[in-house]
Amino acid sequence: MAKKSSSQKKSKAGKIWRTIKRVVLILFISSLVYTILCRWVMPPITLTQLSNTFSYGLKRDYVGWDEISYNVKLAAIASEDQAFPDHNGFDWDAMEKSLRPKKKNKKTKIPLGGAASTISQQTAKNVFLWQGSGIGKYIRKVPEFYFTFLTELIWGKKRILEVYLNVIEMGPGIFGIEAAAQHYFNKHAKNLTREEAAKIIACLPNPKKFSVVPMSTRVAWRYPQIVQQMHNIEDDEDVQRVIK
C-alpha cells in the first residue's frame, strides 16, 4: 500500500507539473502572438483603460505616427526618458539613481528628477499589464521586464513611442495624445505647439492629480523645464532618428 501511495503521489505531481508547463507554454505563445499583432494594430483596450471606464468614462482616439506632432514626441523623450534612443529598454543608471533619496524643490516640495521607468517599460506596463503600487507593483516587475524586452525586439523605438503616446493616461479617463489635445486645447495632436505638448506631458506620471487645465502647480513648474530640455536634446542625431 505504501508503494502504491508513493506511486500515486508521483503520478499526481507529474500531472500538476505537466499542467503548469502547458499553461506557461500557452501564456508564452499567446503573449508573443499579441505582441506581434500590436506591432501593426493598436491594443483594443488596456486594463488601465478598462478600470477607468467605470469611474471617469473613456476618452480615447488612437492616431498614427504622422498624426502626432513632432513637438509631442520630443517632449515625451525630453521629460520621460532622454536615454530612450540609446538603451535596450532599461536605463540601469536611472534605476540606480532612483534608489537614492530624492531632493525636493524648496518652493513646490516636488521631488526633483524623473522616474527610473523608461518609455519602453511604461509602454509594456500600460499595454499588457496593470497599474498600482504595493505588492502588485513588485509582482508586475517580472512580466514588465519580459514585455519590455519583447517590444524592444519586435516593435522598435518608433512603434514603442507611437503606442506610448496613444495609450497612456493624460487626464481622468483621457487616454492618448489625440484625446488630450482635443480636451485641453480643442485641436488635433498633430497641431500641438511646443508649449502645449510640454504642458500635457508635464501631467505625467499622475494625470489625475496634476491637472493640465486648469493648470496645477506641478504642471506650471514642470512644463518650462520640459521646453528647455526639448531645446537641449533636439539636435541629437539619435533623438532625431526616432522622432522624425
C-alpha atoms as a PDB file:
ATOM      1  CA  MET A   1       0.000   0.000   0.000  1.00  0.00           C
ATOM      2  CA  ALA A   2       2.848   2.381   0.846  1.00  0.00           C
ATOM      3  CA  LYS A   3       4.438   1.787  -2.563  1.00  0.00           C
ATOM      4  CA  LYS A   4       1.137   2.378  -4.296  1.00  0.00           C
ATOM      5  CA  SER A   5       0.581   5.562  -2.318  1.00  0.00           C
ATOM      6  CA  SER A   6       4.039   6.825  -3.262  1.00  0.00           C
ATOM      7  CA  SER A   7       3.392   5.992  -6.917  1.00  0.00           C
ATOM      8  CA  GLN A   8       0.084   7.832  -6.834  1.00  0.00           C
ATOM      9  CA  LYS A   9       1.762  10.882  -5.347  1.00  0.00           C
ATOM     10  CA  LYS A  10       4.406  10.871  -8.087  1.00  0.00           C
ATOM     11  CA  SER A  11       1.714  10.483 -10.719  1.00  0.00           C
ATOM     12  CA  LYS A  12      -0.264  13.403  -9.280  1.00  0.00           C
ATOM     13  CA  ALA A  13       2.852  15.564  -9.038  1.00  0.00           C
ATOM     14  CA  GLY A  14       3.689  14.714 -12.631  1.00  0.00           C
ATOM     15  CA  LYS A  15       0.210  15.755 -13.795  1.00  0.00           C
ATOM     16  CA  ILE A  16       0.490  19.054 -11.921  1.00  0.00           C
ATOM     17  CA  TRP A  17       3.904  19.726 -13.432  1.00  0.00           C
ATOM     18  CA  ARG A  18       2.673  18.934 -16.952  1.00  0.00           C
ATOM     19  CA  THR A  19      -0.304  21.243 -16.419  1.00  0.00           C
ATOM     20  CA  ILE A  20       1.983  24.055 -15.252  1.00  0.00           C
ATOM     21  CA  LYS A  21       4.243  23.611 -18.279  1.00  0.00           C
ATOM     22  CA  ARG A  22       1.209  23.612 -20.590  1.00  0.00           C
ATOM     23  CA  VAL A  23      -0.149  26.808 -19.024  1.00  0.00           C
ATOM     24  CA  VAL A  24       3.251  28.539 -19.233  1.00  0.00           C
ATOM     25  CA  LEU A  25       3.602  27.500 -22.885  1.00  0.00           C
ATOM     26  CA  ILE A  26       0.104  28.797 -23.737  1.00  0.00           C
ATOM     27  CA  LEU A  27       0.798  32.099 -21.958  1.00  0.00           C
ATOM     28  CA  PHE A  28       4.128  32.479 -23.743  1.00  0.00           C
ATOM     29  CA  ILE A  29       2.697  31.765 -27.207  1.00  0.00           C
ATOM     30  CA  SER A  30      -0.357  33.995 -26.683  1.00  0.00           C
ATOM     31  CA  SER A  31       1.756  36.871 -25.349  1.00  0.00           C
ATOM     32  CA  LEU A  32       4.149  36.546 -28.278  1.00  0.00           C
ATOM     33  CA  VAL A  33       1.312  36.488 -30.821  1.00  0.00           C
ATOM     34  CA  TYR A  34      -0.394  39.500 -29.197  1.00  0.00           C
ATOM     35  CA  THR A  35       2.872  41.459 -29.096  1.00  0.00           C
ATOM     36  CA  ILE A  36       3.479  40.734 -32.783  1.00  0.00           C
ATOM     37  CA  LEU A  37      -0.108  41.757 -33.613  1.00  0.00           C
ATOM     38  CA  CYS A  38       0.313  45.039 -31.727  1.00  0.00           C
ATOM     39  CA  ARG A  39       3.301  45.817 -33.936  1.00  0.00           C
ATOM     40  CA  TRP A  40       0.718  46.928 -36.502  1.00  0.00           C
ATOM     41  CA  VAL A  41      -2.590  47.178 -34.604  1.00  0.00           C
ATOM     42  CA  MET A  42      -3.289  49.373 -31.584  1.00  0.00           C
ATOM     43  CA  PRO A  43      -4.384  47.499 -28.433  1.00  0.00           C
ATOM     44  CA  PRO A  44      -8.212  47.194 -28.453  1.00  0.00           C
ATOM     45  CA  ILE A  45      -8.265  48.165 -24.764  1.00  0.00           C
ATOM     46  CA  THR A  46      -5.910  48.037 -21.786  1.00  0.00           C
ATOM     47  CA  LEU A  47      -6.546  47.063 -18.176  1.00  0.00           C
ATOM     48  CA  THR A  48      -5.938  50.670 -17.103  1.00  0.00           C
ATOM     49  CA  GLN A  49      -8.442  51.997 -19.622  1.00  0.00           C
ATOM     50  CA  LEU A  50     -10.975  49.365 -18.604  1.00  0.00           C
ATOM     51  CA  SER A  51     -10.640  50.136 -14.888  1.00  0.00           C
ATOM     52  CA  ASN A  52     -11.062  53.871 -15.532  1.00  0.00           C
ATOM     53  CA  THR A  53     -14.188  53.420 -17.639  1.00  0.00           C
ATOM     54  CA  PHE A  54     -16.411  52.843 -14.624  1.00  0.00           C
ATOM     55  CA  SER A  55     -15.229  55.939 -12.723  1.00  0.00           C
ATOM     56  CA  TYR A  56     -14.307  58.502 -15.378  1.00  0.00           C
ATOM     57  CA  GLY A  57     -15.507  57.159 -18.708  1.00  0.00           C
ATOM     58  CA  LEU A  58     -13.151  56.586 -21.606  1.00  0.00           C
ATOM     59  CA  LYS A  59     -11.962  59.365 -23.909  1.00  0.00           C
ATOM     60  CA  ARG A  60      -9.648  57.851 -26.487  1.00  0.00           C
ATOM     61  CA  ASP A  61      -8.855  58.298 -30.152  1.00  0.00           C
ATOM     62  CA  TYR A  62      -5.872  56.385 -31.497  1.00  0.00           C
ATOM     63  CA  VAL A  63      -3.852  58.167 -34.174  1.00  0.00           C
ATOM     64  CA  GLY A  64      -0.933  57.143 -36.361  1.00  0.00           C
ATOM     65  CA  TRP A  65       2.664  58.327 -36.242  1.00  0.00           C
ATOM     66  CA  ASP A  66       2.162  61.113 -38.772  1.00  0.00           C
ATOM     67  CA  GLU A  67      -0.849  62.428 -36.840  1.00  0.00           C
ATOM     68  CA  ILE A  68       1.262  63.123 -33.741  1.00  0.00           C
ATOM     69  CA  SER A  69       3.109  66.409 -33.519  1.00  0.00           C
ATOM     70  CA  TYR A  70       6.890  66.371 -33.677  1.00  0.00           C
ATOM     71  CA  ASN A  71       6.703  68.538 -30.534  1.00  0.00           C
ATOM     72  CA  VAL A  72       4.887  65.815 -28.584  1.00  0.00           C
ATOM     73  CA  LYS A  73       7.425  63.140 -29.491  1.00  0.00           C
ATOM     74  CA  LEU A  74      10.281  65.437 -28.495  1.00  0.00           C
ATOM     75  CA  ALA A  75       8.563  66.481 -25.255  1.00  0.00           C
ATOM     76  CA  ALA A  76       7.954  62.868 -24.224  1.00  0.00           C
ATOM     77  CA  ILE A  77      11.600  61.915 -24.668  1.00  0.00           C
ATOM     78  CA  ALA A  78      12.853  65.145 -23.062  1.00  0.00           C
ATOM     79  CA  SER A  79      10.682  64.664 -19.988  1.00  0.00           C
ATOM     80  CA  GLU A  80      10.315  60.929 -19.526  1.00  0.00           C
ATOM     81  CA  ASP A  81      13.355  59.186 -20.944  1.00  0.00           C
ATOM     82  CA  GLN A  82      16.230  61.074 -22.581  1.00  0.00           C
ATOM     83  CA  ALA A  83      18.188  57.842 -22.987  1.00  0.00           C
ATOM     84  CA  PHE A  84      15.287  56.272 -24.933  1.00  0.00           C
ATOM     85  CA  PRO A  85      17.027  56.283 -28.338  1.00  0.00           C
ATOM     86  CA  ASP A  86      20.096  54.560 -26.908  1.00  0.00           C
ATOM     87  CA  HIS A  87      19.050  51.957 -24.329  1.00  0.00           C
ATOM     88  CA  ASN A  88      17.685  48.463 -24.911  1.00  0.00           C
ATOM     89  CA  GLY A  89      14.556  49.086 -22.846  1.00  0.00           C
ATOM     90  CA  PHE A  90      16.175  49.561 -19.451  1.00  0.00           C
ATOM     91  CA  ASP A  91      18.098  52.536 -18.122  1.00  0.00           C
ATOM     92  CA  TRP A  92      20.257  50.923 -15.457  1.00  0.00           C
ATOM     93  CA  ASP A  93      21.892  54.189 -14.402  1.00  0.00           C
ATOM     94  CA  ALA A  94      18.488  55.783 -13.782  1.00  0.00           C
ATOM     95  CA  MET A  95      17.379  52.720 -11.819  1.00  0.00           C
ATOM     96  CA  GLU A  96      20.424  53.026  -9.578  1.00  0.00           C
ATOM     97  CA  LYS A  97      19.814  56.739  -9.041  1.00  0.00           C
ATOM     98  CA  SER A  98      16.141  56.126  -8.229  1.00  0.00           C
ATOM     99  CA  LEU A  99      17.183  54.150  -5.169  1.00  0.00           C
ATOM    100  CA  ARG A 100      18.806  57.235  -3.667  1.00  0.00           C
ATOM    101  CA  PRO A 101      16.736  59.705  -1.575  1.00  0.00           C
ATOM    102  CA  LYS A 102      15.309  62.414  -3.862  1.00  0.00           C
ATOM    103  CA  LYS A 103      15.828  66.093  -3.177  1.00  0.00           C
ATOM    104  CA  LYS A 104      12.773  68.345  -3.346  1.00  0.00           C
ATOM    105  CA  ASN A 105      12.184  71.732  -4.892  1.00  0.00           C
ATOM    106  CA  LYS A 106      12.160  74.167  -1.932  1.00  0.00           C
ATOM    107  CA  LYS A 107       9.121  76.091  -3.187  1.00  0.00           C
ATOM    108  CA  THR A 108       6.887  73.359  -4.589  1.00  0.00           C
ATOM    109  CA  LYS A 109       8.081  70.459  -2.371  1.00  0.00           C
ATOM    110  CA  ILE A 110       8.047  68.322  -5.520  1.00  0.00           C
ATOM    111  CA  PRO A 111      10.815  65.692  -5.898  1.00  0.00           C
ATOM    112  CA  LEU A 112      13.445  66.560  -8.487  1.00  0.00           C
ATOM    113  CA  GLY A 113      14.435  64.066 -11.149  1.00  0.00           C
ATOM    114  CA  GLY A 114      12.451  61.608 -13.235  1.00  0.00           C
ATOM    115  CA  ALA A 115      11.420  58.040 -12.652  1.00  0.00           C
ATOM    116  CA  ALA A 116      13.671  55.077 -13.365  1.00  0.00           C
ATOM    117  CA  SER A 117      10.993  53.535 -15.587  1.00  0.00           C
ATOM    118  CA  THR A 118      11.797  54.015 -19.273  1.00  0.00           C
ATOM    119  CA  ILE A 119       9.281  54.807 -22.007  1.00  0.00           C
ATOM    120  CA  SER A 120       9.651  51.183 -23.115  1.00  0.00           C
ATOM    121  CA  GLN A 121       8.803  49.912 -19.623  1.00  0.00           C
ATOM    122  CA  GLN A 122       5.891  52.311 -19.268  1.00  0.00           C
ATOM    123  CA  THR A 123       4.534  51.158 -22.615  1.00  0.00           C
ATOM    124  CA  ALA A 124       4.818  47.490 -21.636  1.00  0.00           C
ATOM    125  CA  LYS A 125       3.058  48.203 -18.345  1.00  0.00           C
ATOM    126  CA  ASN A 126       0.264  50.209 -19.941  1.00  0.00           C
ATOM    127  CA  VAL A 127      -0.427  47.852 -22.845  1.00  0.00           C
ATOM    128  CA  PHE A 128      -0.020  44.416 -21.298  1.00  0.00           C
ATOM    129  CA  LEU A 129      -0.206  44.782 -17.522  1.00  0.00           C
ATOM    130  CA  TRP A 130      -1.767  46.830 -14.744  1.00  0.00           C
ATOM    131  CA  GLN A 131      -1.126  49.946 -12.693  1.00  0.00           C
ATOM    132  CA  GLY A 132      -0.897  50.194  -8.936  1.00  0.00           C
ATOM    133  CA  SER A 133       1.548  50.181  -6.068  1.00  0.00           C
ATOM    134  CA  GLY A 134       2.121  47.924  -3.087  1.00  0.00           C
ATOM    135  CA  ILE A 135       2.721  44.225  -3.608  1.00  0.00           C
ATOM    136  CA  GLY A 136       1.101  44.335  -7.061  1.00  0.00           C
ATOM    137  CA  LYS A 137       3.884  46.632  -8.239  1.00  0.00           C
ATOM    138  CA  TYR A 138       6.536  44.056  -7.333  1.00  0.00           C
ATOM    139  CA  ILE A 139       4.559  41.147  -8.807  1.00  0.00           C
ATOM    140  CA  ARG A 140       4.306  43.152 -12.042  1.00  0.00           C
ATOM    141  CA  LYS A 141       8.061  43.668 -12.403  1.00  0.00           C
ATOM    142  CA  VAL A 142       8.888  40.242 -13.875  1.00  0.00           C
ATOM    143  CA  PRO A 143       6.282  40.325 -16.678  1.00  0.00           C
ATOM    144  CA  GLU A 144       7.109  44.021 -17.202  1.00  0.00           C
ATOM    145  CA  PHE A 145      10.728  43.127 -17.927  1.00  0.00           C
ATOM    146  CA  TYR A 146       9.562  40.341 -20.245  1.00  0.00           C
ATOM    147  CA  PHE A 147       7.187  42.553 -22.264  1.00  0.00           C
ATOM    148  CA  THR A 148       9.717  45.391 -22.373  1.00  0.00           C
ATOM    149  CA  PHE A 149      12.244  43.018 -23.912  1.00  0.00           C
ATOM    150  CA  LEU A 150       9.661  41.750 -26.422  1.00  0.00           C
ATOM    151  CA  THR A 151       8.508  45.187 -27.548  1.00  0.00           C
ATOM    152  CA  GLU A 152      12.087  46.410 -27.978  1.00  0.00           C
ATOM    153  CA  LEU A 153      12.836  43.309 -30.044  1.00  0.00           C
ATOM    154  CA  ILE A 154       9.649  43.231 -32.142  1.00  0.00           C
ATOM    155  CA  TRP A 155       8.369  46.813 -32.324  1.00  0.00           C
ATOM    156  CA  GLY A 156      11.400  49.084 -32.382  1.00  0.00           C
ATOM    157  CA  LYS A 157      11.690  52.597 -30.984  1.00  0.00           C
ATOM    158  CA  LYS A 158       9.258  54.463 -33.232  1.00  0.00           C
ATOM    159  CA  ARG A 159       6.443  51.988 -32.682  1.00  0.00           C
ATOM    160  CA  ILE A 160       7.034  51.946 -28.918  1.00  0.00           C
ATOM    161  CA  LEU A 161       6.834  55.747 -28.796  1.00  0.00           C
ATOM    162  CA  GLU A 162       3.756  55.783 -31.039  1.00  0.00           C
ATOM    163  CA  VAL A 163       1.896  53.275 -28.865  1.00  0.00           C
ATOM    164  CA  TYR A 164       3.063  55.005 -25.682  1.00  0.00           C
ATOM    165  CA  LEU A 165       1.621  58.331 -26.812  1.00  0.00           C
ATOM    166  CA  ASN A 166      -1.660  56.645 -27.709  1.00  0.00           C
ATOM    167  CA  VAL A 167      -2.311  54.559 -24.595  1.00  0.00           C
ATOM    168  CA  ILE A 168      -1.009  56.496 -21.573  1.00  0.00           C
ATOM    169  CA  GLU A 169      -3.465  58.346 -19.380  1.00  0.00           C
ATOM    170  CA  MET A 170      -3.241  62.136 -19.722  1.00  0.00           C
ATOM    171  CA  GLY A 171      -6.130  63.133 -17.516  1.00  0.00           C
ATOM    172  CA  PRO A 172      -9.018  61.430 -15.691  1.00  0.00           C
ATOM    173  CA  GLY A 173     -10.344  58.977 -18.276  1.00  0.00           C
ATOM    174  CA  ILE A 174      -8.349  60.705 -21.052  1.00  0.00           C
ATOM    175  CA  PHE A 175      -6.062  58.299 -22.885  1.00  0.00           C
ATOM    176  CA  GLY A 176      -3.617  59.214 -25.604  1.00  0.00           C
ATOM    177  CA  ILE A 177      -2.363  62.446 -27.052  1.00  0.00           C
ATOM    178  CA  GLU A 178      -5.224  62.976 -29.524  1.00  0.00           C
ATOM    179  CA  ALA A 179      -7.900  62.840 -26.813  1.00  0.00           C
ATOM    180  CA  ALA A 180      -5.744  65.077 -24.592  1.00  0.00           C
ATOM    181  CA  ALA A 181      -5.164  67.632 -27.354  1.00  0.00           C
ATOM    182  CA  GLN A 182      -8.880  67.791 -28.108  1.00  0.00           C
ATOM    183  CA  HIS A 183      -9.851  68.001 -24.447  1.00  0.00           C
ATOM    184  CA  TYR A 184      -7.328  70.629 -23.313  1.00  0.00           C
ATOM    185  CA  PHE A 185      -6.687  72.723 -26.432  1.00  0.00           C
ATOM    186  CA  ASN A 186      -9.522  71.860 -28.823  1.00  0.00           C
ATOM    187  CA  LYS A 187      -7.137  70.849 -31.606  1.00  0.00           C
ATOM    188  CA  HIS A 188      -5.633  67.738 -33.163  1.00  0.00           C
ATOM    189  CA  ALA A 189      -2.483  66.198 -31.743  1.00  0.00           C
ATOM    190  CA  LYS A 190      -0.569  66.966 -34.946  1.00  0.00           C
ATOM    191  CA  ASN A 191      -1.145  70.695 -34.396  1.00  0.00           C
ATOM    192  CA  LEU A 192       0.109  70.989 -30.806  1.00  0.00           C
ATOM    193  CA  THR A 193       2.712  73.689 -30.214  1.00  0.00           C
ATOM    194  CA  ARG A 194       5.876  73.115 -28.249  1.00  0.00           C
ATOM    195  CA  GLU A 195       4.443  74.627 -25.050  1.00  0.00           C
ATOM    196  CA  GLU A 196       1.126  72.787 -25.375  1.00  0.00           C
ATOM    197  CA  ALA A 197       2.925  69.480 -25.834  1.00  0.00           C
ATOM    198  CA  ALA A 198       5.125  70.188 -22.807  1.00  0.00           C
ATOM    199  CA  LYS A 199       2.094  71.055 -20.658  1.00  0.00           C
ATOM    200  CA  ILE A 200       0.367  67.773 -21.465  1.00  0.00           C
ATOM    201  CA  ILE A 201       3.492  65.697 -20.868  1.00  0.00           C
ATOM    202  CA  ALA A 202       4.077  67.588 -17.596  1.00  0.00           C
ATOM    203  CA  CYS A 203       0.963  65.981 -16.095  1.00  0.00           C
ATOM    204  CA  LEU A 204       2.778  62.634 -16.006  1.00  0.00           C
ATOM    205  CA  PRO A 205       3.140  60.432 -14.030  1.00  0.00           C
ATOM    206  CA  ASN A 206      -0.060  61.335 -12.143  1.00  0.00           C
ATOM    207  CA  PRO A 207      -2.527  62.961 -14.555  1.00  0.00           C
ATOM    208  CA  LYS A 208      -5.427  62.683 -12.113  1.00  0.00           C
ATOM    209  CA  LYS A 209      -3.544  64.800  -9.584  1.00  0.00           C
ATOM    210  CA  PHE A 210      -1.515  67.078 -11.875  1.00  0.00           C
ATOM    211  CA  SER A 211      -4.114  68.917 -13.936  1.00  0.00           C
ATOM    212  CA  VAL A 212      -3.281  70.498 -17.302  1.00  0.00           C
ATOM    213  CA  VAL A 213      -6.402  72.695 -17.437  1.00  0.00           C
ATOM    214  CA  PRO A 214      -6.800  74.340 -15.006  1.00  0.00           C
ATOM    215  CA  MET A 215      -3.037  74.214 -14.608  1.00  0.00           C
ATOM    216  CA  SER A 216      -1.814  72.632 -11.402  1.00  0.00           C
ATOM    217  CA  THR A 217       1.243  73.916  -9.550  1.00  0.00           C
ATOM    218  CA  ARG A 218       3.223  70.893 -10.666  1.00  0.00           C
ATOM    219  CA  VAL A 219       2.447  71.369 -14.364  1.00  0.00           C
ATOM    220  CA  ALA A 220       3.163  75.127 -14.175  1.00  0.00           C
ATOM    221  CA  TRP A 221       6.512  74.362 -12.547  1.00  0.00           C
ATOM    222  CA  ARG A 222       7.410  71.426 -14.776  1.00  0.00           C
ATOM    223  CA  TYR A 223       6.474  72.379 -18.332  1.00  0.00           C
ATOM    224  CA  PRO A 224       9.072  75.222 -18.778  1.00  0.00           C
ATOM    225  CA  GLN A 225      11.733  72.720 -17.744  1.00  0.00           C
ATOM    226  CA  ILE A 226      10.499  70.295 -20.396  1.00  0.00           C
ATOM    227  CA  VAL A 227      10.602  73.034 -23.048  1.00  0.00           C
ATOM    228  CA  GLN A 228      14.205  73.767 -22.076  1.00  0.00           C
ATOM    229  CA  GLN A 229      15.140  70.085 -22.203  1.00  0.00           C
ATOM    230  CA  MET A 230      13.467  69.805 -25.618  1.00  0.00           C
ATOM    231  CA  HIS A 231      15.787  72.535 -26.830  1.00  0.00           C
ATOM    232  CA  ASN A 232      18.796  70.823 -25.248  1.00  0.00           C
ATOM    233  CA  ILE A 233      18.301  67.407 -26.866  1.00  0.00           C
ATOM    234  CA  GLU A 234      16.687  68.394 -30.158  1.00  0.00           C
ATOM    235  CA  ASP A 235      19.891  68.371 -32.214  1.00  0.00           C
ATOM    236  CA  ASP A 236      20.934  64.920 -31.039  1.00  0.00           C
ATOM    237  CA  GLU A 237      21.151  62.624 -34.069  1.00  0.00           C
ATOM    238  CA  ASP A 238      19.764  59.611 -32.200  1.00  0.00           C
ATOM    239  CA  VAL A 239      16.763  61.596 -30.975  1.00  0.00           C
ATOM    240  CA  GLN A 240      16.100  62.890 -34.480  1.00  0.00           C
ATOM    241  CA  ARG A 241      16.317  59.374 -35.861  1.00  0.00           C
ATOM    242  CA  VAL A 242      13.459  58.322 -33.555  1.00  0.00           C
ATOM    243  CA  ILE A 243      11.089  61.272 -33.741  1.00  0.00           C
ATOM    244  CA  LYS A 244      11.205  62.071 -37.465  1.00  0.00           C
END
